């Protein structure tokens, strides 16, 4: 069954409590190491340009993100409870490992669900975003990023020469502001409780209060810590996905979004671990398409080191710019010289 190709996220999530009990409190760090090794290793040993859209029943694949969300939330809940008695090493290992799986697999599952047409799936995606304290993402992403990606209006598109450490605070604040602005315009001055972002803030405050009141401040701190790690991982993905790529101005707007405005990783093996999101250009072209139907686009630019390698590279800005800035300039020169 083709859907079995995408079970990797479940194994990595389950490895966190397994390593914790089998190896010791620092054991969950092994989950992060194993994930990086798997993603980078896939880029080294597997080919590119594979994976046409599958012909199998889409319902077989929709089960996966729907099932993954409760798995990730279960791991978060387990870690929040265990954190009460964990020492410093265990606490750090839980925050980092759970946060990484939240920021990679949890976000990708939520992203898949909030893009869908099924109301129950969108709600489940929102629940997952609640598990990383980033509920407003579904508004900012769908109504902002997908409209303005690769333009100056999109805070989730990194500018040429901008380091990740400058991008992170800018994008986090601006995405929240954009989501709030969208809701304000949608409501035309209506009751604030109808504002989804206001409800998001209230929901998160209530959740943190409930965790602290029932389990204690250490548990609330673990929830905040894994959320912070998850948000950083998500925004690292955003940073590399459109870095330096821009849509030219045309009159009062911009040129249409094309495959050339997203960085991709077409590696079939690596994509099996990230719900095919390395085929990012195809996702922007068909945002409502289920993940297994995303295709390799020959015209789409490829990240030199795949997604995992590029995320590590982005953490060292001089190395990142040395590799990526020439790639961006070469790509943009090719676009400008292309026949009309």
Protein backbone atom coordinates (compact mmCIF):
# COMPACT_ATOMS: atom_id res chain seq x y z
CA UNK A 1 0.00 0.00 0.00
CA UNK A 2 1.45 3.37 -1.07
CA UNK A 3 0.30 5.07 2.12
CA UNK A 4 2.83 3.05 4.11
CA UNK A 5 5.59 5.20 2.60
CA UNK A 6 4.48 8.02 4.88
CA UNK A 7 4.51 6.26 8.27
CA UNK A 8 7.95 7.61 9.25
CA UNK A 9 6.56 10.51 11.35
CA UNK A 10 4.70 8.05 13.60
CA UNK A 11 7.91 6.13 14.30
CA UNK A 12 9.87 9.25 15.19
CA UNK A 13 7.14 10.52 17.52
CA UNK A 14 6.93 7.14 19.28
CA UNK A 15 10.72 7.06 19.67
CA UNK A 16 10.69 9.99 22.11
CA UNK A 17 9.11 8.16 25.08
CA UNK A 18 10.88 4.95 24.00
CA UNK A 19 14.32 6.60 24.17
CA UNK A 20 13.38 8.38 27.40
CA UNK A 21 12.64 5.13 29.21
CA UNK A 22 15.19 2.88 27.51
CA UNK A 23 18.22 5.18 27.38
CA UNK A 24 17.63 7.77 30.07
CA UNK A 25 16.39 11.35 30.43
CA UNK A 26 18.69 12.64 27.69
CA UNK A 27 17.57 9.86 25.33
CA UNK A 28 15.01 11.94 23.36
CA UNK A 29 17.91 13.89 21.85
CA UNK A 30 18.49 10.70 19.85
CA UNK A 31 15.16 11.29 18.10
CA UNK A 32 16.42 14.62 16.76
CA UNK A 33 19.73 13.09 15.68
CA UNK A 34 17.97 10.17 13.99
CA UNK A 35 15.59 12.49 12.16
CA UNK A 36 18.38 14.70 10.84
CA UNK A 37 20.37 11.63 9.80
CA UNK A 38 17.36 10.17 8.00
CA UNK A 39 16.52 13.36 6.10
CA UNK A 40 20.09 14.22 5.15
CA UNK A 41 20.92 10.60 4.37
CA UNK A 42 17.90 10.36 2.08
CA UNK A 43 19.20 13.31 0.07
CA UNK A 44 22.56 11.59 -0.31
CA UNK A 45 21.44 8.11 -1.30
CA UNK A 46 18.15 8.64 -3.14
CA UNK A 47 17.44 10.21 -6.51
CA UNK A 48 15.51 13.31 -7.46
CA UNK A 49 12.57 14.01 -9.70
CA UNK A 50 10.57 10.98 -8.62
CA UNK A 51 7.01 10.48 -7.62
CA UNK A 52 4.14 11.26 -9.97
CA UNK A 53 0.73 11.73 -8.42
CA UNK A 54 -0.58 8.42 -7.13
CA UNK A 55 -3.73 6.81 -8.46
CA UNK A 56 -4.82 5.22 -5.18
CA UNK A 57 -7.93 6.28 -3.29
CA UNK A 58 -7.20 9.61 -1.59
CA UNK A 59 -9.05 8.42 1.52
CA UNK A 60 -6.23 6.00 2.30
CA UNK A 61 -3.82 8.91 2.54
CA UNK A 62 -6.12 11.33 4.37
CA UNK A 63 -6.10 8.91 7.30
CA UNK A 64 -2.42 9.65 7.95
CA UNK A 65 -2.49 13.35 8.96
CA UNK A 66 -5.77 12.74 10.79
CA UNK A 67 -4.11 9.97 12.82
CA UNK A 68 -0.83 11.77 13.29
CA UNK A 69 -2.35 14.75 15.12
CA UNK A 70 -3.59 12.73 18.13
CA UNK A 71 -0.26 10.89 18.20
CA UNK A 72 1.69 14.15 18.41
CA UNK A 73 -0.72 15.63 20.92
CA UNK A 74 -0.38 12.46 22.98
CA UNK A 75 3.41 12.81 23.00
CA UNK A 76 3.09 16.48 24.02
CA UNK A 77 0.68 15.55 26.80
CA UNK A 78 2.98 12.77 28.01
CA UNK A 79 5.98 15.12 28.05
CA UNK A 80 4.03 17.80 29.93
CA UNK A 81 3.25 15.28 32.68
CA UNK A 82 6.75 13.76 32.77
CA UNK A 83 8.30 17.25 32.99
CA UNK A 84 7.08 17.62 36.57
CA UNK A 85 9.78 15.24 37.79
CA UNK A 86 12.39 15.57 35.04
CA UNK A 87 15.82 16.97 35.82
CA UNK A 88 17.44 19.71 33.73
CA UNK A 89 18.81 17.31 31.09
CA UNK A 90 15.53 15.46 30.76
CA UNK A 91 13.54 18.69 30.62
CA UNK A 92 15.76 20.07 27.83
CA UNK A 93 15.68 16.79 25.91
CA UNK A 94 11.89 16.66 26.08
CA UNK A 95 11.43 20.30 25.06
CA UNK A 96 13.77 19.98 22.07
CA UNK A 97 12.71 16.55 20.81
CA UNK A 98 8.98 17.09 21.24
CA UNK A 99 9.32 20.58 19.78
CA UNK A 100 11.18 19.30 16.73
CA UNK A 101 8.57 16.63 15.98
CA UNK A 102 5.83 19.20 16.58
CA UNK A 103 7.53 21.69 14.27
CA UNK A 104 8.17 19.15 11.52
CA UNK A 105 5.45 16.50 11.56
CA UNK A 106 2.79 18.18 13.70
CA UNK A 107 2.85 21.37 11.66
CA UNK A 108 2.86 19.50 8.36
CA UNK A 109 -0.13 17.41 9.46
CA UNK A 110 -1.94 20.55 10.66
CA UNK A 111 -1.01 22.38 7.46
CA UNK A 112 -2.47 19.55 5.41
CA UNK A 113 -5.70 19.56 7.40
CA UNK A 114 -6.34 23.33 7.53
CA UNK A 115 -5.95 23.49 3.75
CA UNK A 116 -8.73 20.92 3.27
CA UNK A 117 -12.41 21.39 2.59
CA UNK A 118 -13.61 19.12 5.39
CA UNK A 119 -14.72 21.08 8.45
CA UNK A 120 -13.76 18.31 10.88
CA UNK A 121 -10.25 18.14 9.37
CA UNK A 122 -9.81 21.90 9.66
CA UNK A 123 -10.83 21.71 13.33
CA UNK A 124 -8.34 18.91 13.97
CA UNK A 125 -5.64 21.00 12.29
CA UNK A 126 -6.51 23.87 14.62
CA UNK A 127 -6.23 21.56 17.63
CA UNK A 128 -2.72 20.61 16.48
CA UNK A 129 -1.78 24.28 16.11
CA UNK A 130 -3.08 24.80 19.66
CA UNK A 131 -0.57 22.17 20.75
CA UNK A 132 2.23 24.48 19.61
CA UNK A 133 0.68 27.81 20.68
CA UNK A 134 0.39 29.00 17.06
CA UNK A 135 -3.31 28.96 16.28
CA UNK A 136 -3.25 32.13 14.16
CA UNK A 137 -1.04 30.35 11.60
CA UNK A 138 -4.04 28.95 9.73
CA UNK A 139 -5.32 32.49 9.03
CA UNK A 140 -1.95 34.09 8.26
CA UNK A 141 -0.87 31.19 6.06
CA UNK A 142 -3.96 30.61 3.99
CA UNK A 143 -5.15 34.20 3.56
CA UNK A 144 -1.78 35.93 3.64
CA UNK A 145 1.08 33.70 2.60
CA UNK A 146 -0.72 31.95 -0.25
CA UNK A 147 -1.75 35.30 -1.69
CA UNK A 148 1.45 37.26 -1.20
CA UNK A 149 4.28 34.68 -1.18
CA UNK A 150 7.51 35.97 -2.73
CA UNK A 151 6.40 39.60 -2.42
CA UNK A 152 7.19 42.37 0.05
CA UNK A 153 3.68 41.94 1.52
CA UNK A 154 4.40 38.45 2.85
CA UNK A 155 6.20 38.33 6.20
CA UNK A 156 6.74 34.57 5.74
CA UNK A 157 8.96 35.12 2.67
CA UNK A 158 12.60 35.82 3.57
CA UNK A 159 14.42 38.61 1.77
CA UNK A 160 17.72 38.20 -0.01
CA UNK A 161 20.51 38.84 2.48
CA UNK A 162 18.23 38.55 5.52
CA UNK A 163 19.55 36.18 8.18
CA UNK A 164 17.24 33.72 9.88
CA UNK A 165 17.85 35.51 13.18
CA UNK A 166 16.52 38.76 11.69
CA UNK A 167 13.71 36.95 9.89
CA UNK A 168 12.38 35.09 12.95
CA UNK A 169 11.16 38.01 15.11
CA UNK A 170 9.95 39.90 12.03
CA UNK A 171 7.87 37.04 10.67
CA UNK A 172 6.40 35.92 14.00
CA UNK A 173 5.18 39.42 14.88
CA UNK A 174 4.04 40.32 11.37
CA UNK A 175 2.15 37.06 10.76
CA UNK A 176 0.17 37.65 13.95
CA UNK A 177 -0.50 41.26 12.92
CA UNK A 178 -1.56 40.15 9.44
CA UNK A 179 -3.94 37.55 10.85
CA UNK A 180 -5.44 40.12 13.23
CA UNK A 181 -5.81 42.62 10.38
CA UNK A 182 -7.52 40.07 8.18
CA UNK A 183 -10.02 39.24 10.89
CA UNK A 184 -10.68 42.93 11.59
CA UNK A 185 -11.44 43.56 7.93
CA UNK A 186 -13.58 40.43 7.70
CA UNK A 187 -15.75 41.48 10.62
CA UNK A 188 -16.14 45.15 9.63
CA UNK A 189 -16.15 46.24 13.25
CA UNK A 190 -18.22 43.33 14.56
CA UNK A 191 -18.02 41.87 18.05
CA UNK A 192 -14.48 41.03 19.09
CA UNK A 193 -15.51 37.52 20.15
CA UNK A 194 -16.18 36.76 16.49
CA UNK A 195 -12.54 37.58 15.78
CA UNK A 196 -10.79 34.21 15.46
CA UNK A 197 -7.46 35.65 16.58
CA UNK A 198 -9.00 37.11 19.75
CA UNK A 199 -10.47 33.68 20.45
CA UNK A 200 -7.05 32.15 19.79
CA UNK A 201 -5.43 34.36 22.41
CA UNK A 202 -8.16 33.54 24.94
CA UNK A 203 -7.88 29.81 24.23
CA UNK A 204 -4.12 29.78 24.69
CA UNK A 205 -4.28 31.78 27.94
CA UNK A 206 -6.90 29.37 29.28
CA UNK A 207 -4.82 26.34 28.25
CA UNK A 208 -1.63 27.62 29.91
CA UNK A 209 -3.58 28.47 33.06
CA UNK A 210 -5.14 24.99 33.12
CA UNK A 211 -1.78 23.26 32.70
CA UNK A 212 -0.13 25.37 35.40
CA UNK A 213 -3.07 24.94 37.79
CA UNK A 214 -3.38 21.17 37.40
CA UNK A 215 0.20 20.03 36.73
CA UNK A 216 2.34 22.90 37.92
CA UNK A 217 4.60 25.58 36.43
CA UNK A 218 7.23 23.12 35.18
CA UNK A 219 4.63 21.44 33.00
CA UNK A 220 3.47 24.79 31.67
CA UNK A 221 7.12 25.64 31.02
CA UNK A 222 7.62 22.41 29.07
CA UNK A 223 4.55 23.15 26.97
CA UNK A 224 5.89 26.64 26.25
CA UNK A 225 9.37 25.30 25.53
CA UNK A 226 8.29 22.67 23.01
CA UNK A 227 5.97 25.25 21.42
CA UNK A 228 8.87 27.67 21.02
CA UNK A 229 11.04 24.98 19.43
CA UNK A 230 8.18 23.98 17.14
CA UNK A 231 7.65 27.58 16.04
CA UNK A 232 11.36 28.03 15.32
CA UNK A 233 11.39 24.85 13.21
CA UNK A 234 8.29 25.97 11.30
CA UNK A 235 9.78 29.38 10.61
CA UNK A 236 13.05 27.81 9.51
CA UNK A 237 11.02 25.96 6.91
CA UNK A 238 9.34 29.23 5.89
CA UNK A 239 12.72 30.95 5.74
CA UNK A 240 14.28 28.54 3.29
CA UNK A 241 11.13 27.90 1.22
CA UNK A 242 11.09 31.29 -0.52
CA UNK A 243 14.42 32.86 0.44
CA UNK A 244 15.34 35.70 -1.90
CA UNK A 245 12.73 34.85 -4.52
CA UNK A 246 10.56 37.75 -5.66
CA UNK A 247 7.64 38.27 -7.99
CA UNK A 248 8.11 41.31 -10.19
CA UNK A 249 5.73 44.23 -9.92
CA UNK A 250 3.18 44.63 -12.68
CA UNK A 251 1.09 47.77 -12.52
CA UNK A 252 -0.64 47.82 -9.15
CA UNK A 253 0.11 44.18 -8.44
CA UNK A 254 2.69 41.47 -9.05
CA UNK A 255 3.37 38.85 -11.66
CA UNK A 256 1.55 35.55 -11.06
CA UNK A 257 3.14 33.04 -8.70
CA UNK A 258 5.05 30.41 -10.66
CA UNK A 259 7.10 27.31 -9.89
CA UNK A 260 10.21 29.52 -9.86
CA UNK A 261 9.05 31.32 -6.70
CA UNK A 262 9.51 28.40 -4.27
CA UNK A 263 12.59 26.40 -3.33
CA UNK A 264 11.98 22.66 -3.55
CA UNK A 265 13.44 19.31 -2.63
CA UNK A 266 12.25 16.67 -5.07
CA UNK A 267 13.95 13.77 -3.30
CA UNK A 268 11.33 11.01 -3.08
CA UNK A 269 12.72 9.33 0.03
CA UNK A 270 13.05 12.54 2.02
CA UNK A 271 9.59 13.68 0.95
CA UNK A 272 8.11 10.49 2.34
CA UNK A 273 9.12 11.78 5.79
CA UNK A 274 7.61 15.26 5.38
CA UNK A 275 4.24 14.58 3.73
CA UNK A 276 5.67 15.56 0.31
CA UNK A 277 6.10 19.19 1.33
CA UNK A 278 9.44 19.34 -0.48
CA UNK A 279 7.30 19.70 -3.61
CA UNK A 280 6.50 23.20 -2.46
CA UNK A 281 5.94 24.77 -5.86
CA UNK A 282 3.25 22.23 -6.64
CA UNK A 283 1.61 22.93 -3.27
CA UNK A 284 1.40 26.64 -4.10
CA UNK A 285 -0.04 25.84 -7.52
CA UNK A 286 -2.61 23.44 -6.05
CA UNK A 287 -2.96 24.33 -2.34
CA UNK A 288 -6.05 22.19 -1.81
CA UNK A 289 -4.45 19.05 -3.28
CA UNK A 290 -3.86 16.20 -0.86
CA UNK A 291 -0.19 15.72 -0.03
CA UNK A 292 0.26 12.44 -1.90
CA UNK A 293 -0.81 14.10 -5.16
CA UNK A 294 1.87 16.79 -5.07
CA UNK A 295 4.20 16.33 -8.02
CA UNK A 296 7.77 17.13 -8.91
CA UNK A 297 7.93 20.26 -11.08
CA UNK A 298 10.91 20.24 -13.42
CA UNK A 299 11.01 24.05 -13.63
CA UNK A 300 11.09 24.52 -9.85
CA UNK A 301 14.41 25.53 -8.25
CA UNK A 302 16.06 22.96 -6.00
CA UNK A 303 17.62 23.62 -2.61
CA UNK A 304 21.30 22.63 -2.81
CA UNK A 305 21.17 20.60 0.39
CA UNK A 306 17.53 19.54 0.63
CA UNK A 307 15.28 20.81 3.42
CA UNK A 308 17.09 19.35 6.43
CA UNK A 309 20.56 20.30 5.21
CA UNK A 310 19.36 23.77 4.24
CA UNK A 311 17.78 24.33 7.66
CA UNK A 312 21.10 23.49 9.33
CA UNK A 313 22.87 25.79 6.87
CA UNK A 314 20.44 28.62 7.64
CA UNK A 315 21.52 28.51 11.29
CA UNK A 316 24.97 29.74 10.16
CA UNK A 317 24.18 32.91 8.16
CA UNK A 318 27.61 33.39 6.50
CA UNK A 319 27.55 29.84 5.13
CA UNK A 320 23.92 30.17 4.13
CA UNK A 321 24.52 33.36 2.17
CA UNK A 322 27.66 31.96 0.56
CA UNK A 323 25.63 29.06 -0.86
CA UNK A 324 22.22 30.59 -1.45
CA UNK A 325 22.78 34.18 -2.55
CA UNK A 326 24.60 33.17 -5.76
CA UNK A 327 21.89 30.54 -6.38
CA UNK A 328 19.18 33.19 -6.03
CA UNK A 329 20.98 35.64 -8.30
CA UNK A 330 21.58 32.96 -10.94
CA UNK A 331 17.94 31.95 -10.83
CA UNK A 332 16.65 35.52 -11.04
CA UNK A 333 19.00 36.27 -13.93
CA UNK A 334 17.68 33.24 -15.77
CA UNK A 335 14.10 34.36 -15.19
CA UNK A 336 14.77 37.91 -16.39
CA UNK A 337 16.48 36.62 -19.54
CA UNK A 338 13.74 34.12 -20.35
CA UNK A 339 11.72 34.85 -23.49
CA UNK A 340 8.42 36.56 -22.89
